[in-house]
């Protein structure tokens, strides 16, 4: 006695579980027995990186202006002194204002040289440190400076007529006025929500 068994397994991937199964044409005479073992599908998670429009990248320009006068006149500036600045224009990414105009920023004096005898001019150097947006401080980079006019021509002329006069001839003080434009750049990536 011969027994014929029709055994077919229809396996649907989990991704298509919501699609109704369609009837399969099963051959009338199948002569083999098939055993199919289906392992459970592994659960996987997909982690997508943040899109470029949700991150303001390091190196993005942040236009600043000084919020106070800086000068070597009066010899009041010191290395390490903090200087107040503000953001001059909105910094945007994908139509979203990430750093609004008027946000407070800070710079630091890195070098000061006062004017002096023999035509020596004053010099100021500073670097951008950070900008504050809401409750977050964002690191900045970028340097700016000013040098007064040297009095070398005056020293040469004075020495030609009265040798001791060159000692009393000085250059001018360095001066960065309030409202002076300064280019700073982001020193870190800044993530934001739309």
N, C-alpha and C. Protein backbone atom coordinates (compact mmCIF):
# COMPACT_ATOMS: atom_id res chain seq x y z
N UNK A 1 0.84 -1.17 0.00
CA UNK A 1 0.00 0.00 0.00
C UNK A 1 0.89 1.24 0.00
N UNK A 2 0.56 2.15 -0.86
CA UNK A 2 1.34 3.36 -0.99
C UNK A 2 0.50 4.54 -0.52
N UNK A 3 1.13 5.37 0.34
CA UNK A 3 0.44 6.57 0.83
C UNK A 3 1.13 7.78 0.24
N UNK A 4 0.37 8.63 -0.35
CA UNK A 4 0.94 9.86 -0.92
C UNK A 4 0.63 11.01 0.03
N UNK A 5 1.65 11.77 0.37
CA UNK A 5 1.48 12.91 1.29
C UNK A 5 1.87 14.18 0.55
N UNK A 6 0.97 15.13 0.62
CA UNK A 6 1.27 16.45 0.05
C UNK A 6 1.70 17.35 1.20
N UNK A 7 2.96 17.73 1.26
CA UNK A 7 3.44 18.60 2.36
C UNK A 7 4.19 19.77 1.78
N UNK A 8 3.61 20.93 1.94
CA UNK A 8 4.26 22.16 1.49
C UNK A 8 4.17 23.15 2.62
N UNK A 9 5.26 23.86 2.86
CA UNK A 9 5.24 24.90 3.91
C UNK A 9 5.37 26.25 3.22
N UNK A 10 4.49 27.14 3.56
CA UNK A 10 4.58 28.50 3.03
C UNK A 10 5.14 29.36 4.16
N UNK A 11 6.30 29.94 3.93
CA UNK A 11 6.97 30.75 4.95
C UNK A 11 6.92 32.20 4.48
N UNK A 12 6.37 33.07 5.33
CA UNK A 12 6.32 34.50 5.00
C UNK A 12 7.31 35.22 5.90
N UNK A 13 8.11 36.12 5.36
CA UNK A 13 8.99 36.92 6.20
C UNK A 13 8.14 37.81 7.11
N UNK A 14 8.71 38.11 8.29
CA UNK A 14 8.00 38.94 9.26
C UNK A 14 7.68 40.32 8.72
N UNK A 15 8.51 40.84 7.82
CA UNK A 15 8.28 42.19 7.30
C UNK A 15 7.00 42.25 6.47
N UNK A 16 6.56 41.13 5.96
CA UNK A 16 5.37 41.12 5.12
C UNK A 16 4.20 40.48 5.83
N UNK A 17 4.22 40.37 7.14
CA UNK A 17 3.19 39.69 7.91
C UNK A 17 1.82 40.34 7.75
N UNK A 18 1.78 41.61 7.42
CA UNK A 18 0.50 42.30 7.28
C UNK A 18 -0.13 42.10 5.91
N UNK A 19 0.62 41.53 4.98
CA UNK A 19 0.09 41.30 3.63
C UNK A 19 -0.60 39.94 3.62
N UNK A 20 -1.85 39.83 3.19
CA UNK A 20 -2.54 38.53 3.20
C UNK A 20 -1.87 37.55 2.24
N UNK A 21 -1.78 36.31 2.71
CA UNK A 21 -1.16 35.28 1.89
C UNK A 21 -2.10 34.93 0.74
N UNK A 22 -1.51 34.68 -0.41
CA UNK A 22 -2.31 34.30 -1.56
C UNK A 22 -2.20 32.79 -1.73
N UNK A 23 -3.22 32.22 -2.24
CA UNK A 23 -3.24 30.77 -2.41
C UNK A 23 -2.18 30.36 -3.41
N UNK A 24 -1.46 29.33 -3.05
CA UNK A 24 -0.41 28.83 -3.93
C UNK A 24 -0.97 27.64 -4.71
N UNK A 25 -0.52 27.51 -5.93
CA UNK A 25 -0.92 26.35 -6.71
C UNK A 25 -0.10 25.17 -6.24
N UNK A 26 -0.76 24.20 -5.69
CA UNK A 26 -0.08 23.02 -5.17
C UNK A 26 -0.22 21.92 -6.23
N UNK A 27 0.92 21.35 -6.62
CA UNK A 27 0.83 20.28 -7.60
C UNK A 27 -0.02 19.12 -7.06
N UNK A 28 -0.72 18.50 -7.94
CA UNK A 28 -1.62 17.43 -7.52
C UNK A 28 -0.86 16.24 -6.98
N UNK A 29 0.27 15.91 -7.54
CA UNK A 29 0.97 14.72 -7.08
C UNK A 29 2.36 15.07 -6.65
N UNK A 30 2.58 15.08 -5.36
CA UNK A 30 3.92 15.31 -4.84
C UNK A 30 4.36 14.01 -4.22
N UNK A 31 5.53 13.54 -4.54
CA UNK A 31 5.96 12.23 -4.09
C UNK A 31 6.99 12.28 -2.99
N UNK A 32 7.44 13.47 -2.57
CA UNK A 32 8.44 13.52 -1.51
C UNK A 32 7.86 14.20 -0.28
N UNK A 33 8.41 13.83 0.83
CA UNK A 33 8.00 14.44 2.09
C UNK A 33 9.05 15.48 2.45
N UNK A 34 8.62 16.70 2.76
CA UNK A 34 9.56 17.79 3.09
C UNK A 34 9.34 18.22 4.52
N UNK A 35 10.42 18.29 5.27
CA UNK A 35 10.35 18.80 6.64
C UNK A 35 11.08 20.13 6.66
N UNK A 36 10.40 21.18 7.11
CA UNK A 36 10.99 22.52 7.13
C UNK A 36 11.04 23.01 8.57
N UNK A 37 12.20 23.47 9.00
CA UNK A 37 12.35 24.05 10.33
C UNK A 37 12.57 25.55 10.16
N UNK A 38 11.76 26.33 10.82
CA UNK A 38 11.86 27.79 10.71
C UNK A 38 12.33 28.34 12.05
N UNK A 39 13.49 28.98 12.05
CA UNK A 39 14.01 29.59 13.29
C UNK A 39 13.32 30.93 13.50
N UNK A 40 13.13 31.34 14.77
CA UNK A 40 12.51 32.66 15.00
C UNK A 40 13.41 33.77 14.48
N UNK A 41 12.80 34.81 13.94
CA UNK A 41 13.57 35.93 13.39
C UNK A 41 14.26 36.70 14.51
N UNK A 42 15.49 37.11 14.28
CA UNK A 42 16.24 37.89 15.27
C UNK A 42 15.72 39.33 15.27
N UNK A 43 15.65 39.92 16.47
CA UNK A 43 15.21 41.31 16.57
C UNK A 43 16.41 42.20 16.37
N UNK A 44 16.31 43.15 15.47
CA UNK A 44 17.42 44.07 15.23
C UNK A 44 16.94 45.50 15.42
N UNK A 45 17.84 46.34 15.88
CA UNK A 45 17.51 47.76 16.00
C UNK A 45 18.36 48.53 15.01
N UNK A 46 17.77 49.52 14.42
CA UNK A 46 18.48 50.33 13.45
C UNK A 46 18.74 51.69 14.07
N UNK A 47 19.99 52.04 14.14
CA UNK A 47 20.36 53.34 14.70
C UNK A 47 20.74 54.23 13.53
N UNK A 48 20.00 55.32 13.37
CA UNK A 48 20.27 56.24 12.28
C UNK A 48 21.08 57.41 12.80
N UNK A 49 22.11 57.81 12.09
CA UNK A 49 22.87 58.98 12.53
C UNK A 49 22.02 60.24 12.38
N UNK A 50 22.36 61.26 13.18
CA UNK A 50 21.65 62.54 13.08
C UNK A 50 21.85 63.10 11.68
N UNK A 51 20.81 63.68 11.15
CA UNK A 51 20.95 64.26 9.82
C UNK A 51 21.81 65.51 9.90
N UNK A 52 22.43 65.88 8.80
CA UNK A 52 23.33 67.02 8.77
C UNK A 52 22.62 68.32 9.13
N UNK A 53 21.31 68.37 8.88
CA UNK A 53 20.59 69.60 9.17
C UNK A 53 20.33 69.80 10.65
N UNK A 54 20.56 68.78 11.47
CA UNK A 54 20.34 68.88 12.92
C UNK A 54 21.62 69.13 13.69
N UNK A 55 22.72 69.37 13.00
CA UNK A 55 24.01 69.62 13.65
C UNK A 55 24.68 70.81 12.97
N UNK A 56 25.07 71.78 13.78
CA UNK A 56 25.85 72.91 13.29
C UNK A 56 27.31 72.52 13.52
N UNK A 57 28.05 72.34 12.47
CA UNK A 57 29.40 71.76 12.55
C UNK A 57 30.46 72.73 13.06
N UNK A 58 31.47 72.16 13.72
CA UNK A 58 32.63 72.94 14.16
C UNK A 58 33.25 73.60 12.93
N UNK A 59 33.71 74.83 13.08
CA UNK A 59 34.27 75.58 11.97
C UNK A 59 33.29 76.55 11.34
N UNK A 60 32.01 76.46 11.72
CA UNK A 60 31.01 77.40 11.21
C UNK A 60 31.32 78.80 11.74
N UNK A 61 31.26 79.79 10.86
CA UNK A 61 31.59 81.17 11.27
C UNK A 61 30.50 81.75 12.16
N UNK A 62 30.94 82.44 13.22
CA UNK A 62 30.04 83.15 14.13
C UNK A 62 30.51 84.60 14.16
N UNK A 63 29.79 85.52 13.50
CA UNK A 63 30.24 86.92 13.48
C UNK A 63 29.97 87.60 14.83
N UNK A 64 31.01 88.22 15.36
CA UNK A 64 30.91 88.89 16.66
C UNK A 64 31.24 90.37 16.52
N UNK A 65 30.83 91.16 17.50
CA UNK A 65 31.28 92.54 17.63
C UNK A 65 31.67 92.77 19.09
N UNK A 66 32.67 93.62 19.30
CA UNK A 66 33.09 93.93 20.66
C UNK A 66 32.02 94.78 21.34
N UNK A 67 31.81 94.53 22.63
CA UNK A 67 30.79 95.26 23.39
C UNK A 67 31.44 96.29 24.31
N UNK A 68 32.76 96.46 24.18
CA UNK A 68 33.48 97.44 24.98
C UNK A 68 34.74 97.89 24.25
N UNK A 69 35.26 99.04 24.63
CA UNK A 69 36.50 99.57 24.06
C UNK A 69 37.70 98.82 24.63
N UNK A 70 38.66 98.51 23.78
CA UNK A 70 39.91 97.90 24.24
C UNK A 70 41.05 98.80 23.80
N UNK A 71 41.88 99.21 24.74
CA UNK A 71 43.01 100.07 24.41
C UNK A 71 44.15 99.85 25.39
N UNK A 72 45.36 100.07 24.89
CA UNK A 72 46.52 100.00 25.79
C UNK A 72 46.76 101.35 26.46
N UNK A 73 46.01 102.36 26.06
CA UNK A 73 46.13 103.68 26.69
C UNK A 73 45.65 103.56 28.14
N UNK A 74 46.43 104.07 29.05
CA UNK A 74 46.10 103.96 30.47
C UNK A 74 46.63 102.69 31.09
N UNK A 75 47.17 101.78 30.30
CA UNK A 75 47.80 100.55 30.77
C UNK A 75 46.89 99.73 31.69
N UNK A 76 45.61 99.67 31.36
CA UNK A 76 44.66 98.96 32.20
C UNK A 76 44.42 97.51 31.76
N UNK A 77 44.69 97.18 30.51
CA UNK A 77 44.46 95.81 30.02
C UNK A 77 45.49 94.85 30.59
N UNK A 78 45.04 93.63 30.90
CA UNK A 78 45.92 92.59 31.42
C UNK A 78 45.69 91.28 30.67
N UNK A 79 46.71 90.48 30.54
CA UNK A 79 46.59 89.16 29.92
C UNK A 79 45.64 88.32 30.79
N UNK A 80 44.71 87.63 30.15
CA UNK A 80 43.74 86.81 30.87
C UNK A 80 42.44 87.54 31.15
N UNK A 81 42.42 88.84 30.94
CA UNK A 81 41.21 89.63 31.18
C UNK A 81 40.12 89.21 30.21
N UNK A 82 38.87 89.08 30.69
CA UNK A 82 37.74 88.72 29.84
C UNK A 82 37.14 89.97 29.21
N UNK A 83 36.71 89.83 27.96
CA UNK A 83 36.17 90.93 27.18
C UNK A 83 34.76 90.55 26.73
N UNK A 84 33.80 91.44 26.89
CA UNK A 84 32.41 91.17 26.49
C UNK A 84 32.22 91.43 24.99
N UNK A 85 31.49 90.53 24.35
CA UNK A 85 31.18 90.64 22.92
C UNK A 85 29.74 90.20 22.72
N UNK A 86 29.20 90.44 21.52
CA UNK A 86 27.87 89.94 21.16
C UNK A 86 27.89 89.37 19.75
N UNK A 87 26.94 88.50 19.47
CA UNK A 87 26.81 87.92 18.13
C UNK A 87 26.18 88.98 17.22
N UNK A 88 26.80 89.24 16.07
CA UNK A 88 26.38 90.31 15.18
C UNK A 88 25.22 89.94 14.26
N UNK A 89 25.08 88.65 13.93
CA UNK A 89 24.02 88.21 13.01
C UNK A 89 23.62 86.79 13.36
N UNK A 90 22.38 86.43 13.04
CA UNK A 90 21.90 85.06 13.30
C UNK A 90 22.80 84.03 12.62
N UNK A 91 23.05 82.93 13.32
CA UNK A 91 23.76 81.79 12.73
C UNK A 91 22.70 80.72 12.53
N UNK A 92 22.43 80.36 11.28
CA UNK A 92 21.33 79.46 10.93
C UNK A 92 21.84 78.17 10.30
N UNK A 93 20.99 77.13 10.42
CA UNK A 93 21.26 75.86 9.74
C UNK A 93 19.92 75.30 9.29
N UNK A 94 19.75 75.13 8.00
CA UNK A 94 18.51 74.57 7.47
C UNK A 94 17.28 75.40 7.80
N UNK A 95 17.42 76.71 7.82
CA UNK A 95 16.29 77.58 8.11
C UNK A 95 15.98 77.76 9.59
N UNK A 96 16.78 77.15 10.46
CA UNK A 96 16.58 77.26 11.91
C UNK A 96 17.67 78.15 12.49
N UNK A 97 17.29 79.15 13.29
CA UNK A 97 18.27 80.01 13.95
C UNK A 97 18.82 79.25 15.16
N UNK A 98 20.09 78.88 15.10
CA UNK A 98 20.72 78.12 16.18
C UNK A 98 21.35 79.08 17.19
N UNK A 99 22.04 80.11 16.70
CA UNK A 99 22.65 81.12 17.57
C UNK A 99 22.07 82.46 17.16
N UNK A 100 21.17 83.03 17.98
CA UNK A 100 20.53 84.28 17.59
C UNK A 100 21.44 85.50 17.72
N UNK A 101 21.17 86.48 16.89
CA UNK A 101 21.88 87.76 16.96
C UNK A 101 21.68 88.37 18.34
N UNK A 102 22.72 88.97 18.89
CA UNK A 102 22.64 89.57 20.21
C UNK A 102 23.03 88.66 21.35
N UNK A 103 23.28 87.37 21.05
CA UNK A 103 23.70 86.45 22.12
C UNK A 103 25.03 86.91 22.69
N UNK A 104 25.20 86.83 24.02
CA UNK A 104 26.46 87.28 24.63
C UNK A 104 27.61 86.31 24.35
N UNK A 105 28.77 86.87 24.11
CA UNK A 105 29.97 86.07 23.87
C UNK A 105 31.11 86.65 24.71
N UNK A 106 32.15 85.86 24.87
CA UNK A 106 33.29 86.26 25.69
C UNK A 106 34.58 86.00 24.92
N UNK A 107 35.52 86.95 25.05
CA UNK A 107 36.88 86.78 24.51
C UNK A 107 37.85 86.96 25.66
N UNK A 108 39.11 86.62 25.42
CA UNK A 108 40.13 86.73 26.45
C UNK A 108 41.37 87.40 25.87
N UNK A 109 41.93 88.33 26.62
CA UNK A 109 43.17 89.00 26.19
C UNK A 109 44.32 88.01 26.33
N UNK A 110 45.08 87.83 25.25
CA UNK A 110 46.20 86.88 25.27
C UNK A 110 47.56 87.57 25.28
N UNK A 111 47.60 88.84 24.83
CA UNK A 111 48.88 89.57 24.83
C UNK A 111 48.61 91.07 24.88
N UNK A 112 49.38 91.76 25.70
CA UNK A 112 49.29 93.21 25.80
C UNK A 112 50.70 93.77 25.82
N UNK A 113 50.92 94.77 24.97
CA UNK A 113 52.20 95.49 25.00
C UNK A 113 51.83 96.98 24.98
N UNK A 114 52.23 97.69 25.99
CA UNK A 114 51.96 99.13 26.07
C UNK A 114 52.97 99.89 25.22
N UNK A 115 52.57 101.07 24.75
CA UNK A 115 53.51 101.88 23.97
C UNK A 115 54.66 102.29 24.90
N UNK A 116 55.78 102.59 24.28
CA UNK A 116 56.94 102.94 25.10
C UNK A 116 57.94 103.80 24.35
N UNK A 117 59.08 104.00 25.01
CA UNK A 117 60.14 104.85 24.46
C UNK A 117 60.72 104.25 23.19
N UNK A 118 61.43 105.06 22.45
CA UNK A 118 62.06 104.72 21.19
C UNK A 118 61.04 104.30 20.13
N UNK A 119 59.85 104.87 20.18
CA UNK A 119 58.85 104.64 19.13
C UNK A 119 58.08 103.34 19.24
N UNK A 120 58.19 102.64 20.38
CA UNK A 120 57.50 101.36 20.53
C UNK A 120 55.99 101.59 20.58
N UNK A 121 55.22 100.87 19.73
CA UNK A 121 53.77 101.04 19.68
C UNK A 121 53.09 100.03 20.60
N UNK A 122 51.85 100.32 20.92
CA UNK A 122 51.06 99.39 21.73
C UNK A 122 50.55 98.23 20.88
N UNK A 123 50.18 97.13 21.54
CA UNK A 123 49.70 95.94 20.84
C UNK A 123 48.71 95.20 21.75
N UNK A 124 47.60 94.77 21.17
CA UNK A 124 46.59 93.96 21.87
C UNK A 124 46.31 92.72 21.03
N UNK A 125 46.29 91.55 21.65
CA UNK A 125 45.87 90.32 20.99
C UNK A 125 44.85 89.64 21.89
N UNK A 126 43.82 89.06 21.29
CA UNK A 126 42.78 88.39 22.06
C UNK A 126 42.26 87.20 21.26
N UNK A 127 41.54 86.33 21.94
CA UNK A 127 40.94 85.17 21.29
C UNK A 127 39.50 84.99 21.76
N UNK A 128 38.63 84.53 20.86
CA UNK A 128 37.25 84.24 21.20
C UNK A 128 37.22 82.99 22.07
N UNK A 129 36.37 82.99 23.11
CA UNK A 129 36.32 81.86 24.04
C UNK A 129 35.01 81.10 23.92
N UNK A 130 33.87 81.79 24.05
CA UNK A 130 32.58 81.09 24.05
C UNK A 130 31.44 82.05 23.76
N UNK A 131 30.29 81.44 23.42
CA UNK A 131 29.05 82.19 23.24
C UNK A 131 27.99 81.47 24.06
N UNK A 132 27.09 82.22 24.67
CA UNK A 132 26.02 81.64 25.48
C UNK A 132 24.70 81.71 24.73
N UNK A 133 24.06 80.54 24.59
CA UNK A 133 22.75 80.44 23.97
C UNK A 133 21.84 79.74 24.98
N UNK A 134 20.82 80.46 25.45
CA UNK A 134 19.93 79.98 26.52
C UNK A 134 20.79 79.61 27.73
N UNK A 135 20.80 78.34 28.12
CA UNK A 135 21.60 77.94 29.28
C UNK A 135 22.85 77.17 28.90
N UNK A 136 23.22 77.22 27.62
CA UNK A 136 24.38 76.46 27.14
C UNK A 136 25.52 77.37 26.72
N UNK A 137 26.74 77.01 27.11
CA UNK A 137 27.94 77.73 26.69
C UNK A 137 28.60 76.92 25.58
N UNK A 138 28.82 77.57 24.43
CA UNK A 138 29.39 76.90 23.25
C UNK A 138 30.78 77.45 23.00
N UNK A 139 31.77 76.54 22.88
CA UNK A 139 33.16 76.95 22.68
C UNK A 139 33.36 77.58 21.31
N UNK A 140 34.17 78.64 21.29
CA UNK A 140 34.53 79.32 20.04
C UNK A 140 36.04 79.32 19.88
N UNK A 141 36.48 79.58 18.67
CA UNK A 141 37.89 79.78 18.39
C UNK A 141 38.01 80.96 17.43
N UNK A 142 39.18 81.53 17.36
CA UNK A 142 39.40 82.68 16.48
C UNK A 142 40.14 83.76 17.25
N UNK A 143 41.06 84.43 16.58
CA UNK A 143 41.88 85.45 17.23
C UNK A 143 41.72 86.78 16.51
N UNK A 144 41.96 87.86 17.26
CA UNK A 144 41.94 89.20 16.67
C UNK A 144 42.95 90.05 17.42
N UNK A 145 43.42 91.13 16.77
CA UNK A 145 44.44 91.97 17.41
C UNK A 145 44.44 93.37 16.80
N UNK A 146 45.21 94.25 17.43
CA UNK A 146 45.43 95.58 16.90
C UNK A 146 46.81 96.04 17.35
N UNK A 147 47.47 96.78 16.46
CA UNK A 147 48.79 97.32 16.78
C UNK A 147 48.76 98.82 16.50
N UNK A 148 49.25 99.57 17.46
CA UNK A 148 49.35 101.02 17.26
C UNK A 148 50.41 101.34 16.21
N UNK A 149 50.49 102.60 15.83
CA UNK A 149 51.46 103.05 14.83
C UNK A 149 52.81 103.26 15.52
N UNK A 150 53.86 102.72 14.92
CA UNK A 150 55.19 102.90 15.50
C UNK A 150 55.67 104.33 15.26
N UNK A 151 56.49 104.77 16.15
CA UNK A 151 57.05 106.12 16.02
C UNK A 151 58.46 106.10 15.50
N UNK A 152 58.80 105.11 14.68
CA UNK A 152 60.18 104.96 14.19
C UNK A 152 60.65 106.18 13.40
N UNK A 153 59.79 106.71 12.54
CA UNK A 153 60.17 107.90 11.75
C UNK A 153 60.49 109.08 12.65
N UNK A 154 59.68 109.25 13.70
CA UNK A 154 59.91 110.35 14.65
C UNK A 154 61.20 110.15 15.41
N UNK A 155 61.51 108.91 15.75
CA UNK A 155 62.75 108.62 16.49
C UNK A 155 63.95 108.95 15.63
N UNK A 156 63.93 108.55 14.35
CA UNK A 156 65.06 108.81 13.44
C UNK A 156 65.27 110.30 13.27
N UNK A 157 64.17 111.03 13.07
CA UNK A 157 64.28 112.49 12.91
C UNK A 157 64.79 113.16 14.18
N UNK A 158 64.27 112.70 15.32
CA UNK A 158 64.68 113.31 16.60
C UNK A 158 66.14 113.03 16.90
N UNK A 159 66.59 111.81 16.62
CA UNK A 159 67.98 111.45 16.90
C UNK A 159 68.93 112.26 16.01
N UNK A 160 68.50 112.57 14.78
CA UNK A 160 69.34 113.34 13.87
C UNK A 160 69.61 114.75 14.42
N UNK A 161 68.64 115.34 15.10
CA UNK A 161 68.82 116.69 15.62
C UNK A 161 69.27 116.70 17.08
N UNK A 162 68.61 115.91 17.90
CA UNK A 162 68.97 115.85 19.33
C UNK A 162 68.97 114.38 19.72
N UNK A 163 70.14 113.78 19.90
CA UNK A 163 70.24 112.35 20.15
C UNK A 163 69.39 111.84 21.32
N UNK A 164 69.25 112.59 22.37
CA UNK A 164 68.51 112.14 23.54
C UNK A 164 67.00 112.16 23.28
N UNK A 165 66.53 112.95 22.31
CA UNK A 165 65.10 113.09 22.05
C UNK A 165 64.45 111.79 21.60
N UNK A 166 65.18 110.91 20.96
CA UNK A 166 64.63 109.63 20.51
C UNK A 166 64.13 108.79 21.66
N UNK A 167 64.75 108.94 22.80
CA UNK A 167 64.35 108.19 23.98
C UNK A 167 62.93 108.57 24.41
N UNK A 168 62.55 109.81 24.22
CA UNK A 168 61.25 110.30 24.67
C UNK A 168 60.14 110.17 23.62
N UNK A 169 60.48 109.75 22.41
CA UNK A 169 59.49 109.60 21.35
C UNK A 169 58.82 108.23 21.48
N UNK A 170 57.48 108.21 21.49
CA UNK A 170 56.76 106.93 21.63
C UNK A 170 55.88 106.69 20.42
N UNK A 171 55.44 105.44 20.30
CA UNK A 171 54.45 105.10 19.26
C UNK A 171 53.06 105.40 19.81
N UNK A 172 52.06 104.91 19.13
CA UNK A 172 50.68 105.13 19.59
C UNK A 172 50.15 103.89 20.29
N UNK A 173 49.10 104.08 21.07
CA UNK A 173 48.47 102.97 21.77
C UNK A 173 47.66 102.13 20.79
N UNK A 174 47.52 100.85 21.08
CA UNK A 174 46.64 99.99 20.29
C UNK A 174 45.21 100.26 20.74
N UNK A 175 44.26 100.13 19.79
CA UNK A 175 42.88 100.44 20.13
C UNK A 175 41.93 99.61 19.28
N UNK A 176 41.05 98.84 19.94
CA UNK A 176 39.98 98.12 19.26
C UNK A 176 38.69 98.74 19.78
N UNK A 177 37.97 99.49 18.95
CA UNK A 177 36.78 100.22 19.44
C UNK A 177 35.59 99.30 19.70
N UNK A 178 34.67 99.78 20.51
CA UNK A 178 33.42 99.07 20.74
C UNK A 178 32.68 98.96 19.40
N UNK A 179 32.16 97.79 19.10
CA UNK A 179 31.45 97.57 17.83
C UNK A 179 32.34 97.07 16.71
N UNK A 180 33.62 96.83 17.01
CA UNK A 180 34.53 96.31 15.97
C UNK A 180 34.13 94.87 15.61
N UNK A 181 34.13 94.56 14.32
CA UNK A 181 33.75 93.23 13.85
C UNK A 181 34.88 92.24 14.08
N UNK A 182 34.52 91.06 14.54
CA UNK A 182 35.48 89.99 14.82
C UNK A 182 34.91 88.69 14.25
N UNK A 183 35.74 87.93 13.53
CA UNK A 183 35.32 86.62 13.02
C UNK A 183 35.72 85.56 14.03
N UNK A 184 34.72 84.80 14.51
CA UNK A 184 34.98 83.66 15.37
C UNK A 184 34.38 82.43 14.68
N UNK A 185 34.74 81.25 15.17
CA UNK A 185 34.27 80.00 14.58
C UNK A 185 33.91 79.02 15.68
N UNK A 186 32.92 78.16 15.41
CA UNK A 186 32.56 77.14 16.40
C UNK A 186 33.74 76.20 16.61
N UNK A 187 33.98 75.86 17.87
CA UNK A 187 35.06 74.95 18.21
C UNK A 187 34.51 73.57 18.56
N UNK A 188 33.23 73.37 18.36
CA UNK A 188 32.58 72.08 18.64
C UNK A 188 31.33 71.98 17.78
N UNK A 189 30.88 70.73 17.55
CA UNK A 189 29.61 70.52 16.87
C UNK A 189 28.47 70.88 17.82
N UNK A 190 27.42 71.50 17.30
CA UNK A 190 26.28 71.89 18.11
C UNK A 190 25.03 71.20 17.57
N UNK A 191 24.46 70.27 18.36
CA UNK A 191 23.22 69.61 17.97
C UNK A 191 22.05 70.48 18.39
N UNK A 192 20.98 70.43 17.61
CA UNK A 192 19.79 71.21 17.96
C UNK A 192 18.54 70.50 17.47
N UNK A 193 17.40 70.85 18.07
CA UNK A 193 16.12 70.27 17.67
C UNK A 193 15.35 71.28 16.85
N UNK A 194 14.64 70.80 15.87
CA UNK A 194 13.82 71.67 15.02
C UNK A 194 12.53 72.03 15.73
